[in-house]
């Protein structure tokens, strides 16, 4: 039976320090993401781009925090859209946009999981844990707070309420390699399963991912995947404003996506932090599109080869 996918752009850049993520959704469409998924047998509906009803102007002074009011408005709008999309299709995709988008997307799909009486699991593929709250962020950039928000940590009084917080113990982070001391303590205290790049270097990606997927399956959980461009090594994915050397390789990233497809557990997806302004001849957006295709069922043997 044909499965349904709905795509929503989240052209938010107010959470990041560099402009350009606003162009992310358009770049994914130009790279042919909707058509690629349709070719793989999915019933694809592109809903266009989200837009908050009342978007405050960016750049208003707000203590140490940058663009708090716009990011809060985006969180509310995306949470409502994600809740509706998770209800109405098999697998919603959210095209970013900086990673503050996930405050809304994850809280929205988690609310649908709560409606169904099921646990919401999250696979966080990122160089950063994004576990700050508005009171602990040093940079003031709110793309560093979504995990704290959707796991129900305090300090978000000026955000919309998170109606169905994700249990931190149902969160798995992979590829982490840029963590400050405050976040390190929070990860340990919250019981978040974390596989940093050293752990992946030592053990590979398959074993830790398989263990997490087994937990999701045993719990009959729903699984949201949030893929940040900076999870990947900047040598293969330069189009992100927060590059950190030593990220995942081409094959590691594709293996993760292929295993996720094989599991049949993924129920929603973020593609975050794409900044086309920083790309090199569309290398990054093509790679991210290919990774999404692997998650949706494209196999290694299906890939086109060059002229021999």
C-alpha atoms as a PDB file:
ATOM      1  CA  UNK A   1       0.000   0.000   0.000  1.00  0.00           C
ATOM      2  CA  UNK A   2       1.329   3.453  -0.904  1.00  0.00           C
ATOM      3  CA  UNK A   3       2.420   5.436   2.136  1.00  0.00           C
ATOM      4  CA  UNK A   4       1.787   9.152   2.421  1.00  0.00           C
ATOM      5  CA  UNK A   5       4.300  11.908   3.081  1.00  0.00           C
ATOM      6  CA  UNK A   6       3.630  15.593   3.625  1.00  0.00           C
ATOM      7  CA  UNK A   7       6.368  18.185   3.302  1.00  0.00           C
ATOM      8  CA  UNK A   8       6.396  21.531   5.100  1.00  0.00           C
ATOM      9  CA  UNK A   9       9.033  24.217   4.764  1.00  0.00           C
ATOM     10  CA  UNK A  10      10.203  25.946   7.925  1.00  0.00           C
ATOM     11  CA  UNK A  11      12.156  28.952   6.609  1.00  0.00           C
ATOM     12  CA  UNK A  12      13.296  30.142  10.010  1.00  0.00           C
ATOM     13  CA  UNK A  13      16.695  31.755  10.436  1.00  0.00           C
ATOM     14  CA  UNK A  14      16.045  33.851  13.545  1.00  0.00           C
ATOM     15  CA  UNK A  15      17.554  31.171  15.797  1.00  0.00           C
ATOM     16  CA  UNK A  16      20.971  31.219  14.105  1.00  0.00           C
ATOM     17  CA  UNK A  17      23.744  33.790  14.037  1.00  0.00           C
ATOM     18  CA  UNK A  18      24.230  33.804  10.249  1.00  0.00           C
ATOM     19  CA  UNK A  19      21.484  34.581   7.718  1.00  0.00           C
ATOM     20  CA  UNK A  20      20.768  32.115   4.939  1.00  0.00           C
ATOM     21  CA  UNK A  21      18.736  29.265   6.454  1.00  0.00           C
ATOM     22  CA  UNK A  22      15.611  31.023   5.220  1.00  0.00           C
ATOM     23  CA  UNK A  23      16.577  29.692   1.773  1.00  0.00           C
ATOM     24  CA  UNK A  24      16.790  26.079   2.939  1.00  0.00           C
ATOM     25  CA  UNK A  25      13.300  24.854   1.995  1.00  0.00           C
ATOM     26  CA  UNK A  26      13.538  26.338  -1.500  1.00  0.00           C
ATOM     27  CA  UNK A  27      16.932  24.687  -1.998  1.00  0.00           C
ATOM     28  CA  UNK A  28      15.544  21.261  -1.064  1.00  0.00           C
ATOM     29  CA  UNK A  29      12.739  21.707  -3.555  1.00  0.00           C
ATOM     30  CA  UNK A  30      15.147  22.855  -6.258  1.00  0.00           C
ATOM     31  CA  UNK A  31      17.250  19.757  -5.574  1.00  0.00           C
ATOM     32  CA  UNK A  32      14.162  17.654  -6.317  1.00  0.00           C
ATOM     33  CA  UNK A  33      13.381  16.216  -2.896  1.00  0.00           C
ATOM     34  CA  UNK A  34       9.594  15.885  -3.438  1.00  0.00           C
ATOM     35  CA  UNK A  35      10.085  14.255  -6.852  1.00  0.00           C
ATOM     36  CA  UNK A  36      12.749  11.904  -5.486  1.00  0.00           C
ATOM     37  CA  UNK A  37      10.433  10.627  -2.768  1.00  0.00           C
ATOM     38  CA  UNK A  38       7.568  10.218  -5.251  1.00  0.00           C
ATOM     39  CA  UNK A  39       9.849   8.120  -7.471  1.00  0.00           C
ATOM     40  CA  UNK A  40      10.409   5.842  -4.485  1.00  0.00           C
ATOM     41  CA  UNK A  41       6.689   5.097  -4.368  1.00  0.00           C
ATOM     42  CA  UNK A  42       5.507   7.584  -1.759  1.00  0.00           C
ATOM     43  CA  UNK A  43       2.363   9.692  -2.101  1.00  0.00           C
ATOM     44  CA  UNK A  44       3.950  13.137  -1.601  1.00  0.00           C
ATOM     45  CA  UNK A  45       2.098  16.375  -0.845  1.00  0.00           C
ATOM     46  CA  UNK A  46       4.076  19.606  -0.580  1.00  0.00           C
ATOM     47  CA  UNK A  47       2.233  21.976   1.762  1.00  0.00           C
ATOM     48  CA  UNK A  48       4.470  24.927   0.987  1.00  0.00           C
ATOM     49  CA  UNK A  49       6.094  26.909   3.774  1.00  0.00           C
ATOM     50  CA  UNK A  50       4.845  27.531   7.289  1.00  0.00           C
ATOM     51  CA  UNK A  51       4.414  31.070   8.497  1.00  0.00           C
ATOM     52  CA  UNK A  52       3.434  32.263  11.985  1.00  0.00           C
ATOM     53  CA  UNK A  53       0.231  34.274  12.068  1.00  0.00           C
ATOM     54  CA  UNK A  54       1.836  37.187  13.904  1.00  0.00           C
ATOM     55  CA  UNK A  55       5.579  37.123  13.340  1.00  0.00           C
ATOM     56  CA  UNK A  56       7.329  39.774  15.429  1.00  0.00           C
ATOM     57  CA  UNK A  57      10.238  41.542  13.733  1.00  0.00           C
ATOM     58  CA  UNK A  58      13.674  40.030  14.211  1.00  0.00           C
ATOM     59  CA  UNK A  59      16.425  41.934  15.904  1.00  0.00           C
ATOM     60  CA  UNK A  60      14.492  43.410  18.813  1.00  0.00           C
ATOM     61  CA  UNK A  61      16.751  43.845  21.860  1.00  0.00           C
ATOM     62  CA  UNK A  62      15.904  41.226  24.482  1.00  0.00           C
ATOM     63  CA  UNK A  63      18.556  41.022  27.190  1.00  0.00           C
ATOM     64  CA  UNK A  64      21.071  38.425  25.991  1.00  0.00           C
ATOM     65  CA  UNK A  65      18.683  36.537  23.734  1.00  0.00           C
ATOM     66  CA  UNK A  66      18.481  37.038  20.005  1.00  0.00           C
ATOM     67  CA  UNK A  67      15.042  37.095  18.398  1.00  0.00           C
ATOM     68  CA  UNK A  68      13.210  35.405  21.251  1.00  0.00           C
ATOM     69  CA  UNK A  69       9.775  36.637  20.195  1.00  0.00           C
ATOM     70  CA  UNK A  70      10.079  35.456  16.541  1.00  0.00           C
ATOM     71  CA  UNK A  71      11.469  32.061  17.591  1.00  0.00           C
ATOM     72  CA  UNK A  72       8.615  31.616  20.079  1.00  0.00           C
ATOM     73  CA  UNK A  73       6.117  32.482  17.325  1.00  0.00           C
ATOM     74  CA  UNK A  74       7.724  29.963  14.965  1.00  0.00           C
ATOM     75  CA  UNK A  75       7.617  27.324  17.724  1.00  0.00           C
ATOM     76  CA  UNK A  76       3.889  27.797  18.198  1.00  0.00           C
ATOM     77  CA  UNK A  77       3.143  27.685  14.456  1.00  0.00           C
ATOM     78  CA  UNK A  78       5.311  24.649  13.733  1.00  0.00           C
ATOM     79  CA  UNK A  79       3.990  22.722  16.729  1.00  0.00           C
ATOM     80  CA  UNK A  80       0.423  23.161  15.483  1.00  0.00           C
ATOM     81  CA  UNK A  81       1.349  22.171  11.919  1.00  0.00           C
ATOM     82  CA  UNK A  82       3.421  19.175  13.033  1.00  0.00           C
ATOM     83  CA  UNK A  83       0.596  17.873  15.207  1.00  0.00           C
ATOM     84  CA  UNK A  84      -1.821  18.075  12.297  1.00  0.00           C
ATOM     85  CA  UNK A  85       0.601  16.543   9.783  1.00  0.00           C
ATOM     86  CA  UNK A  86       1.492  13.633  12.069  1.00  0.00           C
ATOM     87  CA  UNK A  87      -2.228  12.913  12.379  1.00  0.00           C
ATOM     88  CA  UNK A  88      -2.969  13.157   8.659  1.00  0.00           C
ATOM     89  CA  UNK A  89      -0.063  11.332   6.974  1.00  0.00           C
ATOM     90  CA  UNK A  90       2.357   8.483   7.539  1.00  0.00           C
ATOM     91  CA  UNK A  91       5.580  10.495   7.610  1.00  0.00           C
ATOM     92  CA  UNK A  92       5.807  14.296   7.723  1.00  0.00           C
ATOM     93  CA  UNK A  93       9.047  16.028   6.696  1.00  0.00           C
ATOM     94  CA  UNK A  94      10.050  19.482   7.900  1.00  0.00           C
ATOM     95  CA  UNK A  95      12.543  21.385   5.754  1.00  0.00           C
ATOM     96  CA  UNK A  96      14.681  23.905   7.616  1.00  0.00           C
ATOM     97  CA  UNK A  97      15.540  26.408   8.503  1.00  0.00           C
ATOM     98  CA  UNK A  98      17.783  26.552  11.576  1.00  0.00           C
ATOM     99  CA  UNK A  99      17.492  23.937  14.303  1.00  0.00           C
ATOM    100  CA  UNK A 100      15.277  26.065  16.536  1.00  0.00           C
ATOM    101  CA  UNK A 101      12.555  24.676  14.244  1.00  0.00           C
ATOM    102  CA  UNK A 102      12.695  21.418  16.203  1.00  0.00           C
ATOM    103  CA  UNK A 103      11.263  23.044  19.305  1.00  0.00           C
ATOM    104  CA  UNK A 104       8.034  23.195  17.321  1.00  0.00           C
ATOM    105  CA  UNK A 105       8.260  20.121  15.116  1.00  0.00           C
ATOM    106  CA  UNK A 106       9.199  17.665  17.864  1.00  0.00           C
ATOM    107  CA  UNK A 107       6.729  19.040  20.389  1.00  0.00           C
ATOM    108  CA  UNK A 108       4.000  18.827  17.746  1.00  0.00           C
ATOM    109  CA  UNK A 109       4.622  15.217  16.743  1.00  0.00           C
ATOM    110  CA  UNK A 110       5.074  14.268  20.422  1.00  0.00           C
ATOM    111  CA  UNK A 111       1.623  15.658  21.125  1.00  0.00           C
ATOM    112  CA  UNK A 112       0.215  13.336  18.448  1.00  0.00           C
ATOM    113  CA  UNK A 113       2.071  10.396  20.025  1.00  0.00           C
ATOM    114  CA  UNK A 114       0.472  11.311  23.363  1.00  0.00           C
ATOM    115  CA  UNK A 115      -2.940  11.396  21.657  1.00  0.00           C
ATOM    116  CA  UNK A 116      -2.297   7.800  20.589  1.00  0.00           C
ATOM    117  CA  UNK A 117      -1.043   6.760  24.015  1.00  0.00           C
ATOM    118  CA  UNK A 118       2.439   6.006  22.635  1.00  0.00           C
ATOM    119  CA  UNK A 119       5.925   7.170  23.598  1.00  0.00           C
ATOM    120  CA  UNK A 120       7.762   9.632  21.393  1.00  0.00           C
ATOM    121  CA  UNK A 121      11.409   8.741  20.745  1.00  0.00           C
ATOM    122  CA  UNK A 122      13.876  11.131  19.096  1.00  0.00           C
ATOM    123  CA  UNK A 123      17.113  10.397  17.233  1.00  0.00           C
ATOM    124  CA  UNK A 124      19.169  13.605  17.337  1.00  0.00           C
ATOM    125  CA  UNK A 125      21.885  13.636  14.641  1.00  0.00           C
ATOM    126  CA  UNK A 126      23.905  16.756  15.369  1.00  0.00           C
ATOM    127  CA  UNK A 127      27.323  18.040  16.375  1.00  0.00           C
ATOM    128  CA  UNK A 128      25.646  19.850  19.282  1.00  0.00           C
ATOM    129  CA  UNK A 129      23.186  18.689  21.950  1.00  0.00           C
ATOM    130  CA  UNK A 130      21.156  21.945  21.732  1.00  0.00           C
ATOM    131  CA  UNK A 131      20.254  21.500  25.386  1.00  0.00           C
ATOM    132  CA  UNK A 132      20.560  25.069  26.618  1.00  0.00           C
ATOM    133  CA  UNK A 133      17.622  27.005  28.008  1.00  0.00           C
ATOM    134  CA  UNK A 134      17.140  30.738  27.461  1.00  0.00           C
ATOM    135  CA  UNK A 135      18.735  31.260  30.865  1.00  0.00           C
ATOM    136  CA  UNK A 136      21.916  29.274  30.169  1.00  0.00           C
ATOM    137  CA  UNK A 137      22.778  30.050  26.552  1.00  0.00           C
ATOM    138  CA  UNK A 138      25.976  32.060  26.259  1.00  0.00           C
ATOM    139  CA  UNK A 139      25.638  32.988  22.591  1.00  0.00           C
ATOM    140  CA  UNK A 140      21.980  33.978  22.836  1.00  0.00           C
ATOM    141  CA  UNK A 141      21.272  32.022  19.626  1.00  0.00           C
ATOM    142  CA  UNK A 142      18.093  30.029  20.129  1.00  0.00           C
ATOM    143  CA  UNK A 143      18.970  27.214  17.732  1.00  0.00           C
ATOM    144  CA  UNK A 144      20.822  25.928  20.792  1.00  0.00           C
ATOM    145  CA  UNK A 145      17.672  25.372  22.902  1.00  0.00           C
ATOM    146  CA  UNK A 146      15.173  23.057  21.126  1.00  0.00           C
ATOM    147  CA  UNK A 147      16.061  19.862  23.021  1.00  0.00           C
ATOM    148  CA  UNK A 148      15.675  21.617  26.356  1.00  0.00           C
ATOM    149  CA  UNK A 149      12.283  22.913  25.221  1.00  0.00           C
ATOM    150  CA  UNK A 150      10.773  19.691  23.932  1.00  0.00           C
ATOM    151  CA  UNK A 151      12.029  17.688  26.938  1.00  0.00           C
ATOM    152  CA  UNK A 152      10.194  20.061  29.263  1.00  0.00           C
ATOM    153  CA  UNK A 153      13.102  21.766  30.992  1.00  0.00           C
ATOM    154  CA  UNK A 154      12.350  25.001  32.887  1.00  0.00           C
ATOM    155  CA  UNK A 155      13.106  28.492  31.637  1.00  0.00           C
ATOM    156  CA  UNK A 156      10.726  28.695  28.658  1.00  0.00           C
ATOM    157  CA  UNK A 157       8.033  30.861  30.226  1.00  0.00           C
ATOM    158  CA  UNK A 158       8.066  33.178  27.198  1.00  0.00           C
ATOM    159  CA  UNK A 159       7.551  30.272  24.790  1.00  0.00           C
ATOM    160  CA  UNK A 160       4.230  28.533  24.162  1.00  0.00           C
ATOM    161  CA  UNK A 161       3.646  25.633  26.579  1.00  0.00           C
ATOM    162  CA  UNK A 162       5.139  22.301  25.526  1.00  0.00           C
ATOM    163  CA  UNK A 163       2.017  20.151  25.764  1.00  0.00           C
ATOM    164  CA  UNK A 164       3.641  16.701  25.547  1.00  0.00           C
ATOM    165  CA  UNK A 165       7.304  16.788  26.647  1.00  0.00           C
ATOM    166  CA  UNK A 166       9.583  13.998  25.434  1.00  0.00           C
ATOM    167  CA  UNK A 167      11.140  11.905  28.186  1.00  0.00           C
ATOM    168  CA  UNK A 168      14.903  12.630  27.952  1.00  0.00           C
ATOM    169  CA  UNK A 169      15.544   8.912  28.384  1.00  0.00           C
ATOM    170  CA  UNK A 170      13.736   8.362  25.069  1.00  0.00           C
ATOM    171  CA  UNK A 171      16.251  10.572  23.261  1.00  0.00           C
ATOM    172  CA  UNK A 172      19.389   9.286  21.510  1.00  0.00           C
ATOM    173  CA  UNK A 173      22.092  11.693  20.363  1.00  0.00           C
ATOM    174  CA  UNK A 174      24.673  10.619  17.792  1.00  0.00           C
ATOM    175  CA  UNK A 175      27.625  12.514  16.350  1.00  0.00           C
ATOM    176  CA  UNK A 176      27.977  14.953  19.248  1.00  0.00           C
ATOM    177  CA  UNK A 177      31.357  16.677  19.306  1.00  0.00           C
ATOM    178  CA  UNK A 178      30.811  20.246  20.534  1.00  0.00           C
ATOM    179  CA  UNK A 179      29.485  20.323  24.108  1.00  0.00           C
ATOM    180  CA  UNK A 180      30.040  22.876  26.860  1.00  0.00           C
ATOM    181  CA  UNK A 181      30.246  21.956  30.548  1.00  0.00           C
ATOM    182  CA  UNK A 182      26.682  23.011  31.368  1.00  0.00           C
ATOM    183  CA  UNK A 183      25.274  20.764  28.641  1.00  0.00           C
ATOM    184  CA  UNK A 184      27.585  17.915  29.654  1.00  0.00           C
ATOM    185  CA  UNK A 185      26.105  17.958  33.159  1.00  0.00           C
ATOM    186  CA  UNK A 186      22.551  18.154  31.830  1.00  0.00           C
ATOM    187  CA  UNK A 187      23.081  15.152  29.541  1.00  0.00           C
ATOM    188  CA  UNK A 188      24.331  13.061  32.450  1.00  0.00           C
ATOM    189  CA  UNK A 189      21.630  14.206  34.875  1.00  0.00           C
ATOM    190  CA  UNK A 190      18.797  13.672  32.379  1.00  0.00           C
ATOM    191  CA  UNK A 191      19.922  10.197  31.320  1.00  0.00           C
ATOM    192  CA  UNK A 192      20.126  11.041  27.618  1.00  0.00           C
ATOM    193  CA  UNK A 193      21.727   8.262  25.578  1.00  0.00           C
ATOM    194  CA  UNK A 194      24.665   9.932  23.832  1.00  0.00           C
ATOM    195  CA  UNK A 195      27.163   8.563  21.328  1.00  0.00           C
ATOM    196  CA  UNK A 196      29.782  11.189  20.589  1.00  0.00           C
ATOM    197  CA  UNK A 197      32.148  10.939  17.642  1.00  0.00           C
ATOM    198  CA  UNK A 198      34.785   9.124  19.675  1.00  0.00           C
ATOM    199  CA  UNK A 199      32.252   6.436  20.560  1.00  0.00           C
ATOM    200  CA  UNK A 200      31.256   6.158  16.898  1.00  0.00           C
ATOM    201  CA  UNK A 201      34.918   5.962  15.878  1.00  0.00           C
ATOM    202  CA  UNK A 202      35.456   3.114  18.332  1.00  0.00           C
ATOM    203  CA  UNK A 203      32.215   1.187  17.835  1.00  0.00           C
ATOM    204  CA  UNK A 204      30.839   2.282  14.469  1.00  0.00           C
ATOM    205  CA  UNK A 205      27.313   3.582  13.943  1.00  0.00           C
ATOM    206  CA  UNK A 206      25.455   0.289  13.445  1.00  0.00           C
ATOM    207  CA  UNK A 207      25.632  -1.204  16.934  1.00  0.00           C
ATOM    208  CA  UNK A 208      24.500   1.837  18.950  1.00  0.00           C
ATOM    209  CA  UNK A 209      21.778   2.667  16.439  1.00  0.00           C
ATOM    210  CA  UNK A 210      20.503  -0.914  16.406  1.00  0.00           C
ATOM    211  CA  UNK A 211      20.304  -0.908  20.204  1.00  0.00           C
ATOM    212  CA  UNK A 212      18.266   2.298  20.188  1.00  0.00           C
ATOM    213  CA  UNK A 213      15.943   1.058  17.468  1.00  0.00           C
ATOM    214  CA  UNK A 214      15.336  -2.112  19.460  1.00  0.00           C
ATOM    215  CA  UNK A 215      14.219   0.033  22.418  1.00  0.00           C
ATOM    216  CA  UNK A 216      11.826   1.968  20.177  1.00  0.00           C
ATOM    217  CA  UNK A 217      10.375  -1.244  18.744  1.00  0.00           C
ATOM    218  CA  UNK A 218       9.919  -2.892  22.141  1.00  0.00           C
ATOM    219  CA  UNK A 219       8.055   0.169  23.414  1.00  0.00           C
ATOM    220  CA  UNK A 220       5.883   0.407  20.268  1.00  0.00           C
ATOM    221  CA  UNK A 221       7.146   3.970  20.122  1.00  0.00           C
ATOM    222  CA  UNK A 222       7.028   6.607  17.433  1.00  0.00           C
ATOM    223  CA  UNK A 223      10.408   7.831  16.165  1.00  0.00           C
ATOM    224  CA  UNK A 224      11.294  11.343  15.078  1.00  0.00           C
ATOM    225  CA  UNK A 225      14.649  11.835  13.322  1.00  0.00           C
ATOM    226  CA  UNK A 226      16.237  15.273  13.431  1.00  0.00           C
ATOM    227  CA  UNK A 227      19.175  15.579  11.035  1.00  0.00           C
ATOM    228  CA  UNK A 228      21.334  18.679  11.298  1.00  0.00           C
ATOM    229  CA  UNK A 229      23.742  19.421   8.439  1.00  0.00           C
ATOM    230  CA  UNK A 230      26.579  19.768  10.962  1.00  0.00           C
ATOM    231  CA  UNK A 231      26.187  16.103  11.926  1.00  0.00           C
ATOM    232  CA  UNK A 232      28.139  15.556   8.710  1.00  0.00           C
ATOM    233  CA  UNK A 233      31.800  16.336   8.254  1.00  0.00           C
ATOM    234  CA  UNK A 234      32.147  19.845   6.775  1.00  0.00           C
ATOM    235  CA  UNK A 235      34.423  18.420   4.067  1.00  0.00           C
ATOM    236  CA  UNK A 236      31.335  16.840   2.492  1.00  0.00           C
ATOM    237  CA  UNK A 237      28.653  19.236   3.803  1.00  0.00           C
ATOM    238  CA  UNK A 238      29.919  22.829   4.030  1.00  0.00           C
ATOM    239  CA  UNK A 239      26.533  24.595   3.916  1.00  0.00           C
ATOM    240  CA  UNK A 240      26.054  25.215   7.629  1.00  0.00           C
ATOM    241  CA  UNK A 241      26.975  28.125   9.855  1.00  0.00           C
ATOM    242  CA  UNK A 242      28.185  25.907  12.727  1.00  0.00           C
ATOM    243  CA  UNK A 243      30.775  23.665  11.098  1.00  0.00           C
ATOM    244  CA  UNK A 244      32.653  21.345  13.470  1.00  0.00           C
ATOM    245  CA  UNK A 245      35.462  19.161  12.052  1.00  0.00           C
ATOM    246  CA  UNK A 246      35.333  15.416  12.450  1.00  0.00           C
ATOM    247  CA  UNK A 247      31.705  14.703  11.596  1.00  0.00           C
ATOM    248  CA  UNK A 248      30.035  11.676  10.058  1.00  0.00           C
ATOM    249  CA  UNK A 249      31.282  10.390   6.721  1.00  0.00           C
ATOM    250  CA  UNK A 250      29.221   9.829   3.597  1.00  0.00           C
ATOM    251  CA  UNK A 251      28.927   6.094   4.235  1.00  0.00           C
ATOM    252  CA  UNK A 252      28.224   6.424   7.965  1.00  0.00           C
ATOM    253  CA  UNK A 253      25.375   8.829   7.265  1.00  0.00           C
ATOM    254  CA  UNK A 254      23.881   6.656   4.526  1.00  0.00           C
ATOM    255  CA  UNK A 255      24.159   3.538   6.691  1.00  0.00           C
ATOM    256  CA  UNK A 256      22.199   5.275   9.441  1.00  0.00           C
ATOM    257  CA  UNK A 257      19.484   6.262   6.973  1.00  0.00           C
ATOM    258  CA  UNK A 258      19.338   2.780   5.459  1.00  0.00           C
ATOM    259  CA  UNK A 259      19.027   1.175   8.898  1.00  0.00           C
ATOM    260  CA  UNK A 260      16.273   3.615   9.807  1.00  0.00           C
ATOM    261  CA  UNK A 261      14.374   2.659   6.662  1.00  0.00           C
ATOM    262  CA  UNK A 262      14.827  -1.043   7.328  1.00  0.00           C
ATOM    263  CA  UNK A 263      13.478  -0.627  10.856  1.00  0.00           C
ATOM    264  CA  UNK A 264      10.148   0.778   9.630  1.00  0.00           C
ATOM    265  CA  UNK A 265      10.000   2.854  12.820  1.00  0.00           C
ATOM    266  CA  UNK A 266      10.488   6.423  11.581  1.00  0.00           C
ATOM    267  CA  UNK A 267       7.326   8.523  11.799  1.00  0.00           C
ATOM    268  CA  UNK A 268       8.679  12.060  11.173  1.00  0.00           C
ATOM    269  CA  UNK A 269      11.826  13.833   9.956  1.00  0.00           C
ATOM    270  CA  UNK A 270      13.607  17.180  10.296  1.00  0.00           C
ATOM    271  CA  UNK A 271      16.218  18.333   7.788  1.00  0.00           C
ATOM    272  CA  UNK A 272      17.777  21.258   9.633  1.00  0.00           C
ATOM    273  CA  UNK A 273      20.387  24.011   9.391  1.00  0.00           C
ATOM    274  CA  UNK A 274      20.874  23.988   5.624  1.00  0.00           C
ATOM    275  CA  UNK A 275      22.304  27.377   4.652  1.00  0.00           C
ATOM    276  CA  UNK A 276      22.502  27.447   0.833  1.00  0.00           C
ATOM    277  CA  UNK A 277      24.405  30.736   0.972  1.00  0.00           C
ATOM    278  CA  UNK A 278      27.369  28.760   2.336  1.00  0.00           C
ATOM    279  CA  UNK A 279      27.127  25.801  -0.047  1.00  0.00           C
ATOM    280  CA  UNK A 280      29.578  24.861  -2.821  1.00  0.00           C
ATOM    281  CA  UNK A 281      27.824  24.119  -6.104  1.00  0.00           C
ATOM    282  CA  UNK A 282      24.871  22.605  -4.202  1.00  0.00           C
ATOM    283  CA  UNK A 283      27.012  19.811  -2.693  1.00  0.00           C
ATOM    284  CA  UNK A 284      25.297  19.878   0.684  1.00  0.00           C
ATOM    285  CA  UNK A 285      21.693  20.058  -0.436  1.00  0.00           C
ATOM    286  CA  UNK A 286      22.271  17.207  -2.893  1.00  0.00           C
ATOM    287  CA  UNK A 287      23.792  15.083  -0.120  1.00  0.00           C
ATOM    288  CA  UNK A 288      20.975  15.862   2.312  1.00  0.00           C
ATOM    289  CA  UNK A 289      18.432  14.998  -0.384  1.00  0.00           C
ATOM    290  CA  UNK A 290      20.226  11.712  -1.055  1.00  0.00           C
ATOM    291  CA  UNK A 291      20.224  10.919   2.668  1.00  0.00           C
ATOM    292  CA  UNK A 292      16.487  11.530   2.835  1.00  0.00           C
ATOM    293  CA  UNK A 293      16.092   9.213  -0.156  1.00  0.00           C
ATOM    294  CA  UNK A 294      18.004   6.490   1.704  1.00  0.00           C
ATOM    295  CA  UNK A 295      15.667   6.865   4.673  1.00  0.00           C
ATOM    296  CA  UNK A 296      12.689   6.566   2.327  1.00  0.00           C
ATOM    297  CA  UNK A 297      13.926   3.387   0.710  1.00  0.00           C
ATOM    298  CA  UNK A 298      16.605   4.032  -1.904  1.00  0.00           C
ATOM    299  CA  UNK A 299      19.235   1.284  -1.850  1.00  0.00           C
ATOM    300  CA  UNK A 300      22.920   1.386  -2.720  1.00  0.00           C
ATOM    301  CA  UNK A 301      22.231  -0.757  -5.795  1.00  0.00           C
ATOM    302  CA  UNK A 302      19.662   1.798  -6.961  1.00  0.00           C
ATOM    303  CA  UNK A 303      22.182   4.633  -7.217  1.00  0.00           C
ATOM    304  CA  UNK A 304      23.190   5.827 -10.650  1.00  0.00           C
ATOM    305  CA  UNK A 305      26.830   5.411 -11.599  1.00  0.00           C
ATOM    306  CA  UNK A 306      28.996   7.665 -13.678  1.00  0.00           C
ATOM    307  CA  UNK A 307      30.370   6.795 -17.083  1.00  0.00           C
ATOM    308  CA  UNK A 308      32.848   3.920 -16.814  1.00  0.00           C
END
